[in-house]
Amino acid sequence: MKEVVDEILAAEKRVEQTLADARHKAAQIRRESEKEVSAIVTAAHEEAQRIIQETVTSARKEAEASREKALKDVESGNRFLRERSKDGINALVDEVASLITTSAFSETQR
């Protein structure tokens, strides 16, 4: 009878040890999993930051190119308007000069 009780107690100790080993192994696996998840999240965060930086840099370049094109278009339009208006402006200047000289000449003749 004592042998049966001793075997039962020994079996319980083996079960307790097996459970303790399983708990220890489960805790170890959980820690390793958490490390892996943390590494994956960190890598994903770094990749997201890289993508955001590339997108911002690209958007800045596109905005600068668009700005430069708009400035060139405005400058070209201004040049076109000046050239188109050049003859009219020169004629107006000549007319004003003629009016001034005619008025000044009239004043001196009185």
Protein backbone atom coordinates (compact mmCIF):
# COMPACT_ATOMS: atom_id res chain seq x y z
CA MET A 1 0.00 0.00 0.00
CA LYS A 2 2.86 2.31 0.91
CA GLU A 3 4.41 1.62 -2.48
CA VAL A 4 1.19 2.66 -4.24
CA VAL A 5 1.02 5.89 -2.23
CA ASP A 6 4.71 6.58 -2.94
CA GLU A 7 4.10 6.00 -6.66
CA ILE A 8 1.09 8.34 -6.61
CA LEU A 9 3.14 11.03 -4.80
CA ALA A 10 6.01 10.58 -7.24
CA ALA A 11 3.59 10.81 -10.18
CA GLU A 12 2.10 14.02 -8.71
CA LYS A 13 5.60 15.49 -8.36
CA ARG A 14 6.36 14.61 -11.98
CA VAL A 15 3.07 16.22 -13.05
CA GLU A 16 3.86 19.34 -10.98
CA GLN A 17 7.34 19.49 -12.50
CA THR A 18 5.92 18.99 -15.98
CA LEU A 19 3.40 21.79 -15.34
CA ALA A 20 6.14 24.08 -13.99
CA ASP A 21 8.31 23.31 -17.02
CA ALA A 22 5.36 24.00 -19.34
CA ARG A 23 4.63 27.31 -17.59
CA HIS A 24 8.29 28.28 -17.83
CA LYS A 25 8.40 27.32 -21.51
CA ALA A 26 5.15 29.24 -22.17
CA ALA A 27 6.55 32.35 -20.45
CA GLN A 28 9.73 32.05 -22.51
CA ILE A 29 7.74 31.69 -25.75
CA ARG A 30 5.58 34.69 -24.76
CA ARG A 31 8.71 36.84 -24.14
CA GLU A 32 10.22 35.79 -27.46
CA SER A 33 6.94 36.50 -29.25
CA GLU A 34 6.71 39.94 -27.64
CA LYS A 35 10.29 40.69 -28.76
CA GLU A 36 9.46 39.58 -32.31
CA VAL A 37 6.26 41.63 -32.37
CA SER A 38 8.14 44.64 -31.02
CA ALA A 39 10.83 44.24 -33.69
CA ILE A 40 8.17 43.93 -36.41
CA VAL A 41 6.31 47.00 -35.14
CA THR A 42 9.56 48.98 -34.95
CA ALA A 43 10.50 47.96 -38.49
CA ALA A 44 7.03 48.86 -39.75
CA HIS A 45 7.23 52.23 -38.01
CA GLU A 46 10.65 52.92 -39.54
CA GLU A 47 9.37 51.91 -42.98
CA ALA A 48 6.34 54.15 -42.56
CA GLN A 49 8.61 57.06 -41.58
CA ARG A 50 10.78 56.41 -44.65
CA ILE A 51 7.74 56.32 -46.93
CA ILE A 52 6.37 59.52 -45.38
CA GLN A 53 9.75 61.25 -45.80
CA GLU A 54 9.97 60.14 -49.44
CA THR A 55 6.41 61.30 -50.08
CA VAL A 56 7.06 64.70 -48.47
CA THR A 57 10.30 65.12 -50.43
CA SER A 58 8.55 64.18 -53.66
CA ALA A 59 5.64 66.53 -52.94
CA ARG A 60 8.09 69.38 -52.22
CA LYS A 61 9.91 68.74 -55.50
CA GLU A 62 6.62 68.67 -57.41
CA ALA A 63 5.43 71.85 -55.70
CA GLU A 64 8.72 73.61 -56.50
CA ALA A 65 8.55 72.49 -60.13
CA SER A 66 4.95 73.67 -60.34
CA ARG A 67 5.90 77.01 -58.78
CA GLU A 68 8.81 77.45 -61.21
CA LYS A 69 6.56 76.64 -64.16
CA ALA A 70 3.94 79.11 -62.96
CA LEU A 71 6.60 81.82 -62.56
CA LYS A 72 7.93 81.11 -66.05
CA ASP A 73 4.40 81.20 -67.48
CA VAL A 74 3.71 84.55 -65.78
CA GLU A 75 7.05 85.93 -66.92
CA SER A 76 6.38 84.78 -70.46
CA GLY A 77 2.91 86.33 -70.35
CA ASN A 78 4.34 89.61 -69.05
CA ARG A 79 6.98 89.63 -71.79
CA PHE A 80 4.28 88.97 -74.40
CA LEU A 81 2.12 91.82 -73.05
CA ARG A 82 5.08 94.21 -73.01
CA GLU A 83 6.00 93.31 -76.57
CA ARG A 84 2.40 93.57 -77.71
CA SER A 85 1.94 96.92 -75.96
CA LYS A 86 5.35 98.34 -76.92
CA ASP A 87 4.18 100.13 -80.07
CA GLY A 88 1.14 101.56 -78.28
CA ILE A 89 3.27 102.77 -75.36
CA ASN A 90 5.82 104.33 -77.69
CA ALA A 91 3.05 106.06 -79.63
CA LEU A 92 1.54 107.33 -76.38
CA VAL A 93 4.93 108.62 -75.20
CA ASP A 94 5.45 110.35 -78.53
CA GLU A 95 1.98 111.91 -78.29
CA VAL A 96 2.56 113.12 -74.72
CA ALA A 97 5.96 114.50 -75.70
CA SER A 98 4.38 116.20 -78.70
CA LEU A 99 1.66 117.73 -76.52
CA ILE A 100 4.24 118.98 -74.03
CA THR A 101 6.49 120.44 -76.68
CA THR A 102 3.55 121.93 -78.56
CA SER A 103 2.23 123.51 -75.35
CA ALA A 104 5.68 124.75 -74.42
CA PHE A 105 6.19 126.12 -77.92
CA SER A 106 2.80 127.83 -77.79
CA GLU A 107 3.64 129.41 -74.43
CA THR A 108 6.94 130.81 -75.75
CA GLN A 109 5.26 132.33 -78.79
CA ARG A 110 2.88 134.44 -76.76
